């Protein structure tokens, strides 16, 4: 404020480390290491994924459950988070076209 240089508190608390010469990797080596790590993580993620595609084809007289939207019922004192998600079992009596 008045042209006087203030002493640096950090210089007193933390001694300066001299003589540590660290080898710096070149940019190509860093990119190569990052690419290898990315590929490794992608392979691990792919191993965790579900293998194959599950396509369900309904059959006659098969028992199924139907997903229902949870609805609260204040009279019974039931909130939607305690309701059943599925209803059934129901029996398939007629097969419709997939576009129906």
C-alpha atoms as a PDB file:
ATOM      1  CA  UNK A   1       0.000   0.000   0.000  1.00  0.00           C
ATOM      2  CA  UNK A   2       2.837   2.392   0.829  1.00  0.00           C
ATOM      3  CA  UNK A   3       5.443   0.911  -1.538  1.00  0.00           C
ATOM      4  CA  UNK A   4       6.775  -1.545   1.051  1.00  0.00           C
ATOM      5  CA  UNK A   5       6.965  -5.168  -0.068  1.00  0.00           C
ATOM      6  CA  UNK A   6       5.233  -7.469   2.388  1.00  0.00           C
ATOM      7  CA  UNK A   7       6.939 -10.722   3.395  1.00  0.00           C
ATOM      8  CA  UNK A   8       5.473 -13.879   1.888  1.00  0.00           C
ATOM      9  CA  UNK A   9       4.034 -16.041   4.671  1.00  0.00           C
ATOM     10  CA  UNK A  10       4.189 -19.208   2.581  1.00  0.00           C
ATOM     11  CA  UNK A  11       7.936 -18.921   2.139  1.00  0.00           C
ATOM     12  CA  UNK A  12       8.349 -19.118   5.907  1.00  0.00           C
ATOM     13  CA  UNK A  13       5.922 -22.012   6.371  1.00  0.00           C
ATOM     14  CA  UNK A  14       6.842 -24.161   3.371  1.00  0.00           C
ATOM     15  CA  UNK A  15      10.496 -24.501   2.427  1.00  0.00           C
ATOM     16  CA  UNK A  16      11.277 -24.390  -1.253  1.00  0.00           C
ATOM     17  CA  UNK A  17      12.144 -27.740  -2.751  1.00  0.00           C
ATOM     18  CA  UNK A  18      15.103 -27.455  -5.048  1.00  0.00           C
ATOM     19  CA  UNK A  19      16.767 -30.074  -7.171  1.00  0.00           C
ATOM     20  CA  UNK A  20      13.704 -32.142  -8.033  1.00  0.00           C
ATOM     21  CA  UNK A  21      14.053 -32.662 -11.717  1.00  0.00           C
ATOM     22  CA  UNK A  22      11.083 -34.573 -13.033  1.00  0.00           C
ATOM     23  CA  UNK A  23      11.176 -36.105 -16.439  1.00  0.00           C
ATOM     24  CA  UNK A  24       8.353 -34.780 -18.474  1.00  0.00           C
ATOM     25  CA  UNK A  25       6.653 -37.191 -20.817  1.00  0.00           C
ATOM     26  CA  UNK A  26       6.178 -36.007 -24.314  1.00  0.00           C
ATOM     27  CA  UNK A  27       2.658 -35.343 -25.575  1.00  0.00           C
ATOM     28  CA  UNK A  28       2.580 -38.433 -27.804  1.00  0.00           C
ATOM     29  CA  UNK A  29       3.286 -40.748 -24.863  1.00  0.00           C
ATOM     30  CA  UNK A  30       0.574 -39.085 -22.766  1.00  0.00           C
ATOM     31  CA  UNK A  31      -1.969 -39.418 -25.573  1.00  0.00           C
ATOM     32  CA  UNK A  32      -1.029 -43.057 -26.086  1.00  0.00           C
ATOM     33  CA  UNK A  33      -1.445 -43.827 -22.369  1.00  0.00           C
ATOM     34  CA  UNK A  34      -4.809 -42.039 -22.248  1.00  0.00           C
ATOM     35  CA  UNK A  35      -5.996 -43.910 -25.340  1.00  0.00           C
ATOM     36  CA  UNK A  36      -4.974 -47.254 -23.847  1.00  0.00           C
ATOM     37  CA  UNK A  37      -6.810 -46.480 -20.606  1.00  0.00           C
ATOM     38  CA  UNK A  38      -9.939 -45.411 -22.512  1.00  0.00           C
ATOM     39  CA  UNK A  39      -9.933 -48.639 -24.530  1.00  0.00           C
ATOM     40  CA  UNK A  40      -9.480 -50.692 -21.356  1.00  0.00           C
ATOM     41  CA  UNK A  41     -12.443 -48.999 -19.638  1.00  0.00           C
ATOM     42  CA  UNK A  42     -14.612 -49.391 -22.754  1.00  0.00           C
ATOM     43  CA  UNK A  43     -13.816 -53.117 -22.872  1.00  0.00           C
ATOM     44  CA  UNK A  44     -14.729 -53.489 -19.190  1.00  0.00           C
ATOM     45  CA  UNK A  45     -18.031 -51.676 -19.774  1.00  0.00           C
ATOM     46  CA  UNK A  46     -18.810 -53.884 -22.750  1.00  0.00           C
ATOM     47  CA  UNK A  47     -18.239 -57.022 -20.654  1.00  0.00           C
ATOM     48  CA  UNK A  48     -20.815 -55.777 -18.138  1.00  0.00           C
ATOM     49  CA  UNK A  49     -23.485 -55.167 -20.774  1.00  0.00           C
ATOM     50  CA  UNK A  50     -26.272 -57.662 -21.255  1.00  0.00           C
ATOM     51  CA  UNK A  51     -25.376 -60.085 -23.990  1.00  0.00           C
ATOM     52  CA  UNK A  52     -27.913 -60.752 -26.706  1.00  0.00           C
ATOM     53  CA  UNK A  53     -31.358 -59.338 -27.289  1.00  0.00           C
ATOM     54  CA  UNK A  54     -34.295 -60.758 -25.364  1.00  0.00           C
ATOM     55  CA  UNK A  55     -37.344 -60.859 -27.659  1.00  0.00           C
ATOM     56  CA  UNK A  56     -40.453 -62.276 -26.075  1.00  0.00           C
ATOM     57  CA  UNK A  57     -42.916 -64.090 -28.286  1.00  0.00           C
ATOM     58  CA  UNK A  58     -46.232 -64.810 -26.553  1.00  0.00           C
ATOM     59  CA  UNK A  59     -47.816 -68.245 -26.809  1.00  0.00           C
ATOM     60  CA  UNK A  60     -51.416 -69.323 -26.373  1.00  0.00           C
ATOM     61  CA  UNK A  61     -52.481 -70.298 -22.829  1.00  0.00           C
ATOM     62  CA  UNK A  62     -49.326 -68.772 -21.364  1.00  0.00           C
ATOM     63  CA  UNK A  63     -49.699 -66.971 -18.033  1.00  0.00           C
ATOM     64  CA  UNK A  64     -48.483 -63.352 -17.977  1.00  0.00           C
ATOM     65  CA  UNK A  65     -48.383 -60.390 -15.612  1.00  0.00           C
ATOM     66  CA  UNK A  66     -49.592 -56.958 -16.723  1.00  0.00           C
ATOM     67  CA  UNK A  67     -47.783 -53.805 -15.640  1.00  0.00           C
ATOM     68  CA  UNK A  68     -50.159 -51.286 -14.106  1.00  0.00           C
ATOM     69  CA  UNK A  69     -49.568 -47.647 -13.281  1.00  0.00           C
ATOM     70  CA  UNK A  70     -49.460 -47.131  -9.505  1.00  0.00           C
ATOM     71  CA  UNK A  71     -52.471 -45.160  -8.284  1.00  0.00           C
ATOM     72  CA  UNK A  72     -52.800 -43.732  -4.807  1.00  0.00           C
ATOM     73  CA  UNK A  73     -55.989 -44.440  -2.873  1.00  0.00           C
ATOM     74  CA  UNK A  74     -56.598 -41.913  -0.110  1.00  0.00           C
ATOM     75  CA  UNK A  75     -59.722 -43.691   1.181  1.00  0.00           C
ATOM     76  CA  UNK A  76     -57.803 -46.912   1.860  1.00  0.00           C
ATOM     77  CA  UNK A  77     -54.764 -44.956   3.054  1.00  0.00           C
ATOM     78  CA  UNK A  78     -52.480 -46.451   0.397  1.00  0.00           C
ATOM     79  CA  UNK A  79     -49.811 -44.426  -1.340  1.00  0.00           C
ATOM     80  CA  UNK A  80     -48.637 -45.349  -4.819  1.00  0.00           C
ATOM     81  CA  UNK A  81     -45.162 -46.422  -3.721  1.00  0.00           C
ATOM     82  CA  UNK A  82     -46.687 -49.314  -1.741  1.00  0.00           C
ATOM     83  CA  UNK A  83     -48.983 -50.500  -4.545  1.00  0.00           C
ATOM     84  CA  UNK A  84     -48.290 -53.566  -6.664  1.00  0.00           C
ATOM     85  CA  UNK A  85     -46.609 -52.834  -9.983  1.00  0.00           C
ATOM     86  CA  UNK A  86     -48.048 -55.894 -11.752  1.00  0.00           C
ATOM     87  CA  UNK A  87     -51.501 -57.475 -11.903  1.00  0.00           C
ATOM     88  CA  UNK A  88     -52.319 -61.016 -12.846  1.00  0.00           C
ATOM     89  CA  UNK A  89     -51.580 -63.697 -13.749  1.00  0.00           C
ATOM     90  CA  UNK A  90     -53.698 -63.561 -16.888  1.00  0.00           C
ATOM     91  CA  UNK A  91     -53.916 -66.294 -19.524  1.00  0.00           C
ATOM     92  CA  UNK A  92     -53.287 -65.433 -23.194  1.00  0.00           C
ATOM     93  CA  UNK A  93     -56.382 -66.568 -25.124  1.00  0.00           C
ATOM     94  CA  UNK A  94     -55.852 -64.808 -28.450  1.00  0.00           C
ATOM     95  CA  UNK A  95     -52.748 -63.627 -30.299  1.00  0.00           C
ATOM     96  CA  UNK A  96     -52.987 -60.308 -32.133  1.00  0.00           C
ATOM     97  CA  UNK A  97     -50.750 -58.918 -34.878  1.00  0.00           C
ATOM     98  CA  UNK A  98     -47.740 -56.983 -33.548  1.00  0.00           C
ATOM     99  CA  UNK A  99     -49.088 -53.752 -35.039  1.00  0.00           C
ATOM    100  CA  UNK A 100     -52.450 -54.033 -33.228  1.00  0.00           C
END
